[in-house]
Amino acid sequence: MKGIARFILFTIMGWKLENDFPKTPLKYIVIAAPHTSWVDFPIAILSRLASGTMIHFVGKASLFKGPFGFFFKALGGTPIDRSKSNNTVDAVIKVFNAKKEFRLGISPEGTRKKVEKWKTGFYYIAKGANVPIVMATLDFENKKVKISEPYYPTENMELDFKIFHAFFENVKGKNSNLS
């Protein structure tokens, strides 16, 4: 699968992978941005497959119903019911604590629309599960996926978010007006 994904992503589509997803630690959160199109998902999956590192994801429950539900689960997805209030952060922390190896990909924007402020759930999951955050760009302008080294959140959330935002500065998503 890795060879096929590399051929599709690099040779056919012309993308580059700058760095690789870390093999260690065995648990971390990947924040991928900007998230501006449904096309982000296949690029992210191909990047994950090309690197040979399993990155799980969560998605709205409706994606996991009907004829394609099995497909998203097979790709490493877990449905999240966003229609009612539940403590998703604590639930994901429990998943991290229960597994020896778990890497979770999340869009910090929480939507494909333009946002002024990122969601903070990924940050509280990382803090609660004591896992680092790996940043990954989806830079459509340069056809590059850039991956950071693991970053452990500090006690200074404002400083941490400045570091996160700096990593993604000037990165253009598929719909650059939403980046």
N, C-alpha and C. Protein backbone atom coordinates (compact mmCIF):
# COMPACT_ATOMS: atom_id res chain seq x y z
N MET A 1 0.81 -1.20 0.00
CA MET A 1 0.00 0.00 0.00
C MET A 1 0.86 1.27 0.00
N LYS A 2 1.97 1.22 0.77
CA LYS A 2 2.84 2.39 0.87
C LYS A 2 3.38 2.78 -0.50
N GLY A 3 3.82 1.81 -1.29
CA GLY A 3 4.38 2.08 -2.61
C GLY A 3 3.34 2.66 -3.56
N ILE A 4 2.13 2.13 -3.50
CA ILE A 4 1.05 2.64 -4.35
C ILE A 4 0.71 4.08 -3.97
N ALA A 5 0.60 4.33 -2.67
CA ALA A 5 0.30 5.69 -2.20
C ALA A 5 1.39 6.66 -2.61
N ARG A 6 2.64 6.26 -2.50
CA ARG A 6 3.75 7.13 -2.88
C ARG A 6 3.71 7.42 -4.38
N PHE A 7 3.41 6.42 -5.18
CA PHE A 7 3.32 6.60 -6.63
C PHE A 7 2.20 7.60 -6.98
N ILE A 8 1.04 7.41 -6.37
CA ILE A 8 -0.09 8.31 -6.66
C ILE A 8 0.21 9.73 -6.19
N LEU A 9 0.64 9.87 -4.93
CA LEU A 9 0.86 11.19 -4.35
C LEU A 9 2.03 11.93 -5.00
N PHE A 10 3.15 11.24 -5.18
CA PHE A 10 4.36 11.91 -5.66
C PHE A 10 4.45 11.95 -7.18
N THR A 11 4.24 10.82 -7.83
CA THR A 11 4.45 10.74 -9.27
C THR A 11 3.25 11.28 -10.06
N ILE A 12 2.08 10.79 -9.74
CA ILE A 12 0.90 11.22 -10.50
C ILE A 12 0.44 12.62 -10.10
N MET A 13 0.33 12.87 -8.79
CA MET A 13 -0.22 14.14 -8.33
C MET A 13 0.84 15.24 -8.17
N GLY A 14 2.11 14.87 -8.10
CA GLY A 14 3.18 15.85 -8.01
C GLY A 14 3.40 16.48 -6.65
N TRP A 15 2.92 15.85 -5.59
CA TRP A 15 3.11 16.38 -4.23
C TRP A 15 4.46 15.96 -3.69
N LYS A 16 4.90 16.69 -2.65
CA LYS A 16 6.13 16.37 -1.93
C LYS A 16 5.78 16.22 -0.45
N LEU A 17 6.54 15.38 0.21
CA LEU A 17 6.39 15.20 1.65
C LEU A 17 7.68 15.69 2.30
N GLU A 18 7.57 16.82 3.00
CA GLU A 18 8.73 17.38 3.68
C GLU A 18 8.73 16.86 5.11
N ASN A 19 9.71 16.04 5.41
CA ASN A 19 9.79 15.30 6.67
C ASN A 19 8.81 14.13 6.60
N ASP A 20 8.74 13.38 7.66
CA ASP A 20 7.86 12.23 7.73
C ASP A 20 7.14 12.30 9.06
N PHE A 21 6.02 11.59 9.16
CA PHE A 21 5.36 11.51 10.46
C PHE A 21 6.29 10.77 11.41
N PRO A 22 6.48 11.30 12.61
CA PRO A 22 7.40 10.64 13.55
C PRO A 22 6.95 9.22 13.88
N LYS A 23 7.92 8.32 13.97
CA LYS A 23 7.64 6.94 14.37
C LYS A 23 7.53 6.86 15.90
N THR A 24 8.21 7.76 16.57
CA THR A 24 8.11 7.86 18.03
C THR A 24 7.88 9.33 18.36
N PRO A 25 7.18 9.60 19.40
CA PRO A 25 6.53 8.67 20.32
C PRO A 25 5.40 7.91 19.61
N LEU A 26 4.88 6.93 20.30
CA LEU A 26 3.83 6.10 19.73
C LEU A 26 2.45 6.75 19.81
N LYS A 27 2.35 7.84 20.56
CA LYS A 27 1.08 8.55 20.70
C LYS A 27 1.31 10.04 20.47
N TYR A 28 0.48 10.63 19.63
CA TYR A 28 0.49 12.08 19.45
C TYR A 28 -0.73 12.52 18.65
N ILE A 29 -0.93 13.84 18.64
CA ILE A 29 -2.01 14.44 17.86
C ILE A 29 -1.37 15.16 16.67
N VAL A 30 -1.94 14.96 15.50
CA VAL A 30 -1.52 15.69 14.30
C VAL A 30 -2.57 16.77 14.05
N ILE A 31 -2.13 18.02 14.01
CA ILE A 31 -3.06 19.08 13.59
C ILE A 31 -2.69 19.42 12.15
N ALA A 32 -3.66 19.28 11.26
CA ALA A 32 -3.46 19.54 9.84
C ALA A 32 -4.28 20.74 9.42
N ALA A 33 -3.61 21.67 8.74
CA ALA A 33 -4.29 22.90 8.32
C ALA A 33 -3.58 23.45 7.10
N PRO A 34 -4.19 24.31 6.37
CA PRO A 34 -5.59 24.71 6.50
C PRO A 34 -6.52 23.64 5.92
N HIS A 35 -7.72 23.59 6.46
CA HIS A 35 -8.73 22.63 6.01
C HIS A 35 -9.79 23.44 5.26
N THR A 36 -9.71 23.42 3.91
CA THR A 36 -10.58 24.29 3.11
C THR A 36 -11.42 23.53 2.09
N SER A 37 -11.23 22.22 1.98
CA SER A 37 -11.92 21.47 0.93
C SER A 37 -12.02 19.99 1.30
N TRP A 38 -12.98 19.30 0.67
CA TRP A 38 -13.09 17.86 0.85
C TRP A 38 -11.85 17.16 0.29
N VAL A 39 -11.11 17.82 -0.60
CA VAL A 39 -9.91 17.24 -1.21
C VAL A 39 -8.80 17.05 -0.18
N ASP A 40 -8.87 17.78 0.93
CA ASP A 40 -7.87 17.63 1.99
C ASP A 40 -7.82 16.19 2.50
N PHE A 41 -8.97 15.55 2.59
CA PHE A 41 -9.04 14.21 3.15
C PHE A 41 -8.23 13.20 2.34
N PRO A 42 -8.45 13.10 1.01
CA PRO A 42 -7.64 12.12 0.27
C PRO A 42 -6.14 12.44 0.27
N ILE A 43 -5.79 13.73 0.27
CA ILE A 43 -4.37 14.10 0.33
C ILE A 43 -3.79 13.66 1.67
N ALA A 44 -4.53 13.87 2.74
CA ALA A 44 -4.07 13.46 4.07
C ALA A 44 -3.93 11.94 4.16
N ILE A 45 -4.91 11.22 3.63
CA ILE A 45 -4.85 9.75 3.67
C ILE A 45 -3.67 9.25 2.84
N LEU A 46 -3.48 9.79 1.64
CA LEU A 46 -2.34 9.39 0.82
C LEU A 46 -1.01 9.71 1.51
N SER A 47 -0.93 10.86 2.17
CA SER A 47 0.29 11.23 2.90
C SER A 47 0.58 10.25 4.02
N ARG A 48 -0.47 9.91 4.74
CA ARG A 48 -0.33 8.95 5.84
C ARG A 48 0.13 7.60 5.31
N LEU A 49 -0.50 7.13 4.24
CA LEU A 49 -0.13 5.85 3.65
C LEU A 49 1.29 5.89 3.09
N ALA A 50 1.66 6.99 2.45
CA ALA A 50 3.00 7.13 1.87
C ALA A 50 4.07 7.10 2.94
N SER A 51 3.74 7.58 4.13
CA SER A 51 4.72 7.59 5.22
C SER A 51 4.77 6.25 5.97
N GLY A 52 3.71 5.47 5.83
CA GLY A 52 3.68 4.18 6.53
C GLY A 52 3.32 4.31 8.00
N THR A 53 2.78 5.44 8.41
CA THR A 53 2.41 5.68 9.81
C THR A 53 0.90 5.83 9.91
N MET A 54 0.28 5.01 10.74
CA MET A 54 -1.17 5.08 10.90
C MET A 54 -1.54 6.31 11.71
N ILE A 55 -2.36 7.16 11.11
CA ILE A 55 -2.92 8.32 11.79
C ILE A 55 -4.43 8.13 11.75
N HIS A 56 -5.06 8.06 12.91
CA HIS A 56 -6.51 7.90 12.99
C HIS A 56 -7.17 9.26 12.85
N PHE A 57 -8.47 9.26 12.67
CA PHE A 57 -9.20 10.51 12.56
C PHE A 57 -10.61 10.33 13.12
N VAL A 58 -11.23 11.44 13.44
CA VAL A 58 -12.63 11.44 13.85
C VAL A 58 -13.39 12.27 12.82
N GLY A 59 -14.66 11.95 12.66
CA GLY A 59 -15.48 12.68 11.70
C GLY A 59 -16.93 12.68 12.15
N LYS A 60 -17.71 13.53 11.51
CA LYS A 60 -19.12 13.59 11.89
C LYS A 60 -19.77 12.24 11.63
N ALA A 61 -20.66 11.87 12.52
CA ALA A 61 -21.28 10.54 12.51
C ALA A 61 -21.93 10.20 11.18
N SER A 62 -22.48 11.19 10.49
CA SER A 62 -23.18 10.92 9.23
C SER A 62 -22.25 10.32 8.17
N LEU A 63 -20.95 10.60 8.25
CA LEU A 63 -20.00 10.03 7.30
C LEU A 63 -19.89 8.51 7.43
N PHE A 64 -20.19 8.01 8.61
CA PHE A 64 -19.99 6.60 8.91
C PHE A 64 -21.26 5.77 8.72
N LYS A 65 -22.29 6.39 8.14
CA LYS A 65 -23.54 5.69 7.86
C LYS A 65 -23.64 5.42 6.37
N GLY A 66 -24.58 4.59 6.00
CA GLY A 66 -24.82 4.34 4.59
C GLY A 66 -23.75 3.49 3.94
N PRO A 67 -23.66 3.60 2.65
CA PRO A 67 -22.79 2.68 1.91
C PRO A 67 -21.29 2.89 2.13
N PHE A 68 -20.88 4.06 2.62
CA PHE A 68 -19.44 4.33 2.75
C PHE A 68 -18.93 4.28 4.19
N GLY A 69 -19.80 4.01 5.14
CA GLY A 69 -19.40 3.96 6.54
C GLY A 69 -18.26 3.00 6.80
N PHE A 70 -18.34 1.80 6.22
CA PHE A 70 -17.29 0.81 6.42
C PHE A 70 -15.95 1.31 5.88
N PHE A 71 -15.99 2.07 4.80
CA PHE A 71 -14.78 2.58 4.17
C PHE A 71 -14.05 3.54 5.11
N PHE A 72 -14.79 4.47 5.71
CA PHE A 72 -14.16 5.43 6.62
C PHE A 72 -13.63 4.75 7.88
N LYS A 73 -14.34 3.74 8.37
CA LYS A 73 -13.84 2.99 9.52
C LYS A 73 -12.58 2.22 9.16
N ALA A 74 -12.55 1.62 7.96
CA ALA A 74 -11.37 0.87 7.52
C ALA A 74 -10.15 1.78 7.36
N LEU A 75 -10.38 3.06 7.07
CA LEU A 75 -9.29 4.01 6.93
C LEU A 75 -8.78 4.51 8.28
N GLY A 76 -9.42 4.08 9.37
CA GLY A 76 -8.97 4.50 10.70
C GLY A 76 -9.85 5.54 11.36
N GLY A 77 -11.07 5.71 10.86
CA GLY A 77 -11.96 6.73 11.38
C GLY A 77 -12.85 6.27 12.51
N THR A 78 -13.25 7.22 13.32
CA THR A 78 -14.18 7.00 14.42
C THR A 78 -15.25 8.07 14.34
N PRO A 79 -16.53 7.67 14.38
CA PRO A 79 -17.60 8.68 14.30
C PRO A 79 -17.75 9.47 15.60
N ILE A 80 -18.07 10.74 15.45
CA ILE A 80 -18.34 11.62 16.59
C ILE A 80 -19.73 12.21 16.38
N ASP A 81 -20.59 12.09 17.39
CA ASP A 81 -21.94 12.66 17.31
C ASP A 81 -21.87 14.12 17.73
N ARG A 82 -21.95 15.02 16.75
CA ARG A 82 -21.86 16.45 17.05
C ARG A 82 -23.23 17.08 17.25
N SER A 83 -24.28 16.27 17.19
CA SER A 83 -25.63 16.83 17.31
C SER A 83 -26.04 17.05 18.76
N LYS A 84 -25.35 16.41 19.68
CA LYS A 84 -25.67 16.62 21.09
C LYS A 84 -24.40 16.93 21.86
N SER A 85 -24.57 17.57 22.96
CA SER A 85 -23.43 17.98 23.77
C SER A 85 -22.85 16.76 24.49
N ASN A 86 -21.60 16.50 24.22
CA ASN A 86 -20.92 15.44 24.95
C ASN A 86 -19.47 15.87 25.14
N ASN A 87 -18.80 15.24 26.06
CA ASN A 87 -17.44 15.64 26.37
C ASN A 87 -16.46 14.87 25.49
N THR A 88 -16.28 15.36 24.29
CA THR A 88 -15.42 14.71 23.31
C THR A 88 -13.97 14.70 23.78
N VAL A 89 -13.51 15.78 24.40
CA VAL A 89 -12.13 15.86 24.86
C VAL A 89 -11.83 14.71 25.83
N ASP A 90 -12.66 14.52 26.83
CA ASP A 90 -12.43 13.44 27.79
C ASP A 90 -12.52 12.07 27.14
N ALA A 91 -13.45 11.92 26.20
CA ALA A 91 -13.60 10.63 25.52
C ALA A 91 -12.34 10.29 24.72
N VAL A 92 -11.76 11.28 24.05
CA VAL A 92 -10.56 11.03 23.26
C VAL A 92 -9.35 10.80 24.18
N ILE A 93 -9.29 11.50 25.29
CA ILE A 93 -8.21 11.25 26.26
C ILE A 93 -8.26 9.80 26.73
N LYS A 94 -9.46 9.28 26.98
CA LYS A 94 -9.60 7.88 27.39
C LYS A 94 -9.10 6.93 26.32
N VAL A 95 -9.34 7.26 25.06
CA VAL A 95 -8.83 6.42 23.96
C VAL A 95 -7.30 6.42 23.99
N PHE A 96 -6.70 7.59 24.11
CA PHE A 96 -5.24 7.68 24.20
C PHE A 96 -4.71 6.84 25.35
N ASN A 97 -5.34 6.98 26.52
CA ASN A 97 -4.87 6.27 27.71
C ASN A 97 -5.04 4.76 27.61
N ALA A 98 -5.99 4.30 26.81
CA ALA A 98 -6.28 2.87 26.70
C ALA A 98 -5.40 2.17 25.66
N LYS A 99 -4.73 2.92 24.83
CA LYS A 99 -3.97 2.31 23.74
C LYS A 99 -2.46 2.49 23.93
N LYS A 100 -1.72 1.50 23.45
CA LYS A 100 -0.26 1.57 23.50
C LYS A 100 0.26 2.49 22.40
N GLU A 101 -0.45 2.48 21.26
CA GLU A 101 -0.05 3.29 20.11
C GLU A 101 -1.30 3.93 19.52
N PHE A 102 -1.29 5.26 19.42
CA PHE A 102 -2.45 5.96 18.86
C PHE A 102 -2.02 7.34 18.41
N ARG A 103 -2.30 7.63 17.15
CA ARG A 103 -2.01 8.95 16.59
C ARG A 103 -3.32 9.46 15.98
N LEU A 104 -3.69 10.66 16.33
CA LEU A 104 -4.98 11.20 15.92
C LEU A 104 -4.79 12.48 15.11
N GLY A 105 -5.35 12.50 13.90
CA GLY A 105 -5.32 13.70 13.07
C GLY A 105 -6.57 14.52 13.27
N ILE A 106 -6.38 15.82 13.45
CA ILE A 106 -7.50 16.74 13.70
C ILE A 106 -7.25 18.03 12.92
N SER A 107 -8.33 18.61 12.43
CA SER A 107 -8.26 19.94 11.84
C SER A 107 -8.54 20.95 12.96
N PRO A 108 -7.58 21.82 13.27
CA PRO A 108 -7.83 22.77 14.36
C PRO A 108 -8.92 23.79 14.05
N GLU A 109 -9.23 23.97 12.76
CA GLU A 109 -10.32 24.89 12.42
C GLU A 109 -11.68 24.28 12.75
N GLY A 110 -11.78 22.96 12.67
CA GLY A 110 -13.04 22.29 12.97
C GLY A 110 -14.06 22.36 11.86
N THR A 111 -13.71 22.95 10.73
CA THR A 111 -14.63 23.12 9.60
C THR A 111 -13.81 23.45 8.36
N ARG A 112 -14.46 23.39 7.20
CA ARG A 112 -13.78 23.79 5.97
C ARG A 112 -13.99 25.27 5.67
N LYS A 113 -14.76 25.93 6.48
CA LYS A 113 -15.02 27.36 6.29
C LYS A 113 -13.88 28.18 6.89
N LYS A 114 -13.80 29.43 6.49
CA LYS A 114 -12.79 30.32 7.07
C LYS A 114 -13.17 30.61 8.52
N VAL A 115 -12.19 30.53 9.40
CA VAL A 115 -12.42 30.81 10.81
C VAL A 115 -11.42 31.85 11.29
N GLU A 116 -11.83 32.62 12.26
CA GLU A 116 -10.94 33.61 12.85
C GLU A 116 -10.14 33.02 14.01
N LYS A 117 -10.69 31.96 14.59
CA LYS A 117 -10.06 31.37 15.77
C LYS A 117 -10.18 29.84 15.68
N TRP A 118 -9.10 29.15 15.99
CA TRP A 118 -9.11 27.70 16.00
C TRP A 118 -9.87 27.16 17.21
N LYS A 119 -10.38 25.96 17.07
CA LYS A 119 -10.93 25.22 18.20
C LYS A 119 -9.76 24.84 19.11
N THR A 120 -10.03 24.59 20.36
CA THR A 120 -8.94 24.28 21.31
C THR A 120 -8.97 22.83 21.80
N GLY A 121 -9.93 22.05 21.35
CA GLY A 121 -10.05 20.67 21.83
C GLY A 121 -8.77 19.86 21.67
N PHE A 122 -8.11 19.99 20.52
CA PHE A 122 -6.87 19.22 20.29
C PHE A 122 -5.82 19.53 21.35
N TYR A 123 -5.78 20.80 21.76
CA TYR A 123 -4.80 21.24 22.75
C TYR A 123 -5.09 20.61 24.12
N TYR A 124 -6.37 20.62 24.51
CA TYR A 124 -6.74 20.03 25.80
C TYR A 124 -6.62 18.51 25.78
N ILE A 125 -6.82 17.89 24.63
CA ILE A 125 -6.60 16.44 24.52
C ILE A 125 -5.12 16.15 24.72
N ALA A 126 -4.26 16.91 24.05
CA ALA A 126 -2.81 16.70 24.18
C ALA A 126 -2.36 16.88 25.62
N LYS A 127 -2.86 17.94 26.27
CA LYS A 127 -2.48 18.19 27.66
C LYS A 127 -3.00 17.07 28.57
N GLY A 128 -4.28 16.68 28.38
CA GLY A 128 -4.88 15.67 29.24
C GLY A 128 -4.30 14.28 29.06
N ALA A 129 -3.89 13.95 27.83
CA ALA A 129 -3.32 12.63 27.56
C ALA A 129 -1.79 12.65 27.65
N ASN A 130 -1.24 13.84 27.90
CA ASN A 130 0.21 14.02 28.00
C ASN A 130 0.91 13.52 26.73
N VAL A 131 0.42 13.99 25.58
CA VAL A 131 1.00 13.61 24.29
C VAL A 131 1.40 14.88 23.54
N PRO A 132 2.38 14.78 22.66
CA PRO A 132 2.78 15.95 21.88
C PRO A 132 1.84 16.21 20.71
N ILE A 133 2.06 17.36 20.09
CA ILE A 133 1.31 17.77 18.91
C ILE A 133 2.30 17.83 17.74
N VAL A 134 1.92 17.22 16.64
CA VAL A 134 2.69 17.29 15.40
C VAL A 134 1.88 18.13 14.43
N MET A 135 2.51 19.11 13.82
CA MET A 135 1.82 19.98 12.87
C MET A 135 2.09 19.49 11.45
N ALA A 136 1.04 19.51 10.62
CA ALA A 136 1.17 19.08 9.23
C ALA A 136 0.41 20.04 8.33
N THR A 137 1.10 20.60 7.35
CA THR A 137 0.45 21.50 6.40
C THR A 137 -0.14 20.72 5.24
N LEU A 138 -1.12 21.30 4.62
CA LEU A 138 -1.64 20.84 3.34
C LEU A 138 -1.54 22.04 2.41
N ASP A 139 -0.33 22.26 1.89
CA ASP A 139 -0.02 23.46 1.10
C ASP A 139 -0.27 23.17 -0.38
N PHE A 140 -1.44 23.55 -0.86
CA PHE A 140 -1.82 23.27 -2.25
C PHE A 140 -1.05 24.16 -3.22
N GLU A 141 -0.66 25.35 -2.82
CA GLU A 141 0.06 26.25 -3.71
C GLU A 141 1.40 25.64 -4.13
N ASN A 142 2.08 25.00 -3.18
CA ASN A 142 3.39 24.39 -3.44
C ASN A 142 3.34 22.87 -3.54
N LYS A 143 2.12 22.31 -3.44
CA LYS A 143 1.92 20.85 -3.46
C LYS A 143 2.89 20.16 -2.50
N LYS A 144 2.82 20.62 -1.24
CA LYS A 144 3.73 20.10 -0.24
C LYS A 144 3.01 19.83 1.07
N VAL A 145 3.30 18.67 1.63
CA VAL A 145 2.87 18.35 2.99
C VAL A 145 4.11 18.48 3.85
N LYS A 146 4.09 19.42 4.78
CA LYS A 146 5.23 19.67 5.66
C LYS A 146 4.85 19.20 7.05
N ILE A 147 5.73 18.44 7.67
CA ILE A 147 5.43 17.83 8.97
C ILE A 147 6.47 18.27 9.99
N SER A 148 6.00 18.68 11.16
CA SER A 148 6.90 19.16 12.21
C SER A 148 7.38 18.01 13.10
N GLU A 149 8.34 18.33 13.91
CA GLU A 149 8.74 17.43 14.99
C GLU A 149 7.66 17.49 16.07
N PRO A 150 7.58 16.49 16.93
CA PRO A 150 6.59 16.56 18.02
C PRO A 150 6.85 17.77 18.93
N TYR A 151 5.77 18.43 19.31
CA TYR A 151 5.85 19.60 20.18
C TYR A 151 4.98 19.33 21.41
N TYR A 152 5.60 19.37 22.58
CA TYR A 152 4.84 19.18 23.82
C TYR A 152 4.31 20.52 24.29
N PRO A 153 2.98 20.63 24.46
CA PRO A 153 2.42 21.90 24.94
C PRO A 153 2.99 22.28 26.30
N THR A 154 3.16 23.57 26.49
CA THR A 154 3.70 24.10 27.75
C THR A 154 2.53 24.52 28.64
N GLU A 155 2.82 25.27 29.65
CA GLU A 155 1.77 25.83 30.51
C GLU A 155 1.31 27.18 29.99
N ASN A 156 1.87 27.61 28.86
CA ASN A 156 1.54 28.90 28.27
C ASN A 156 0.80 28.68 26.95
N MET A 157 -0.51 28.59 27.01
CA MET A 157 -1.33 28.31 25.84
C MET A 157 -1.16 29.38 24.76
N GLU A 158 -1.08 30.63 25.15
CA GLU A 158 -0.93 31.72 24.18
C GLU A 158 0.37 31.56 23.38
N LEU A 159 1.46 31.25 24.05
CA LEU A 159 2.74 31.03 23.37
C LEU A 159 2.67 29.80 22.46
N ASP A 160 2.07 28.74 22.96
CA ASP A 160 1.94 27.52 22.16
C ASP A 160 1.18 27.80 20.86
N PHE A 161 0.08 28.53 20.95
CA PHE A 161 -0.71 28.83 19.76
C PHE A 161 0.04 29.75 18.79
N LYS A 162 0.90 30.62 19.30
CA LYS A 162 1.75 31.44 18.42
C LYS A 162 2.69 30.53 17.62
N ILE A 163 3.23 29.51 18.27
CA ILE A 163 4.12 28.56 17.60
C ILE A 163 3.34 27.79 16.53
N PHE A 164 2.13 27.34 16.89
CA PHE A 164 1.30 26.60 15.92
C PHE A 164 1.00 27.48 14.70
N HIS A 165 0.51 28.68 14.95
CA HIS A 165 0.12 29.57 13.86
C HIS A 165 1.32 29.92 12.98
N ALA A 166 2.49 30.10 13.59
CA ALA A 166 3.69 30.42 12.81
C ALA A 166 4.04 29.30 11.85
N PHE A 167 3.84 28.06 12.25
CA PHE A 167 4.13 26.91 11.39
C PHE A 167 3.27 26.94 10.13
N PHE A 168 2.03 27.36 10.27
CA PHE A 168 1.08 27.35 9.16
C PHE A 168 1.02 28.68 8.39
N GLU A 169 1.81 29.66 8.80
CA GLU A 169 1.78 30.97 8.17
C GLU A 169 2.10 30.86 6.67
N ASN A 170 1.34 31.54 5.87
CA ASN A 170 1.50 31.61 4.41
C ASN A 170 1.21 30.30 3.68
N VAL A 171 0.61 29.34 4.34
CA VAL A 171 0.23 28.09 3.68
C VAL A 171 -1.13 28.29 3.03
N LYS A 172 -1.25 27.91 1.78
CA LYS A 172 -2.51 28.07 1.04
C LYS A 172 -3.21 26.73 0.89
N GLY A 173 -4.46 26.69 1.30
CA GLY A 173 -5.28 25.51 1.14
C GLY A 173 -5.83 25.40 -0.26
N LYS A 174 -6.58 24.36 -0.53
CA LYS A 174 -7.18 24.15 -1.85
C LYS A 174 -8.00 25.37 -2.27
N ASN A 175 -8.82 25.87 -1.36
CA ASN A 175 -9.57 27.11 -1.56
C ASN A 175 -8.84 28.20 -0.79
N SER A 176 -7.88 28.84 -1.44
CA SER A 176 -6.98 29.75 -0.74
C SER A 176 -7.70 30.92 -0.06
N ASN A 177 -8.87 31.28 -0.55
CA ASN A 177 -9.62 32.37 0.10
C ASN A 177 -10.15 31.96 1.48
N LEU A 178 -10.13 30.67 1.78
CA LEU A 178 -10.56 30.18 3.09
C LEU A 178 -9.39 29.89 4.03
N SER A 179 -8.16 30.03 3.53
CA SER A 179 -6.95 29.73 4.31
C SER A 179 -6.71 30.79 5.36
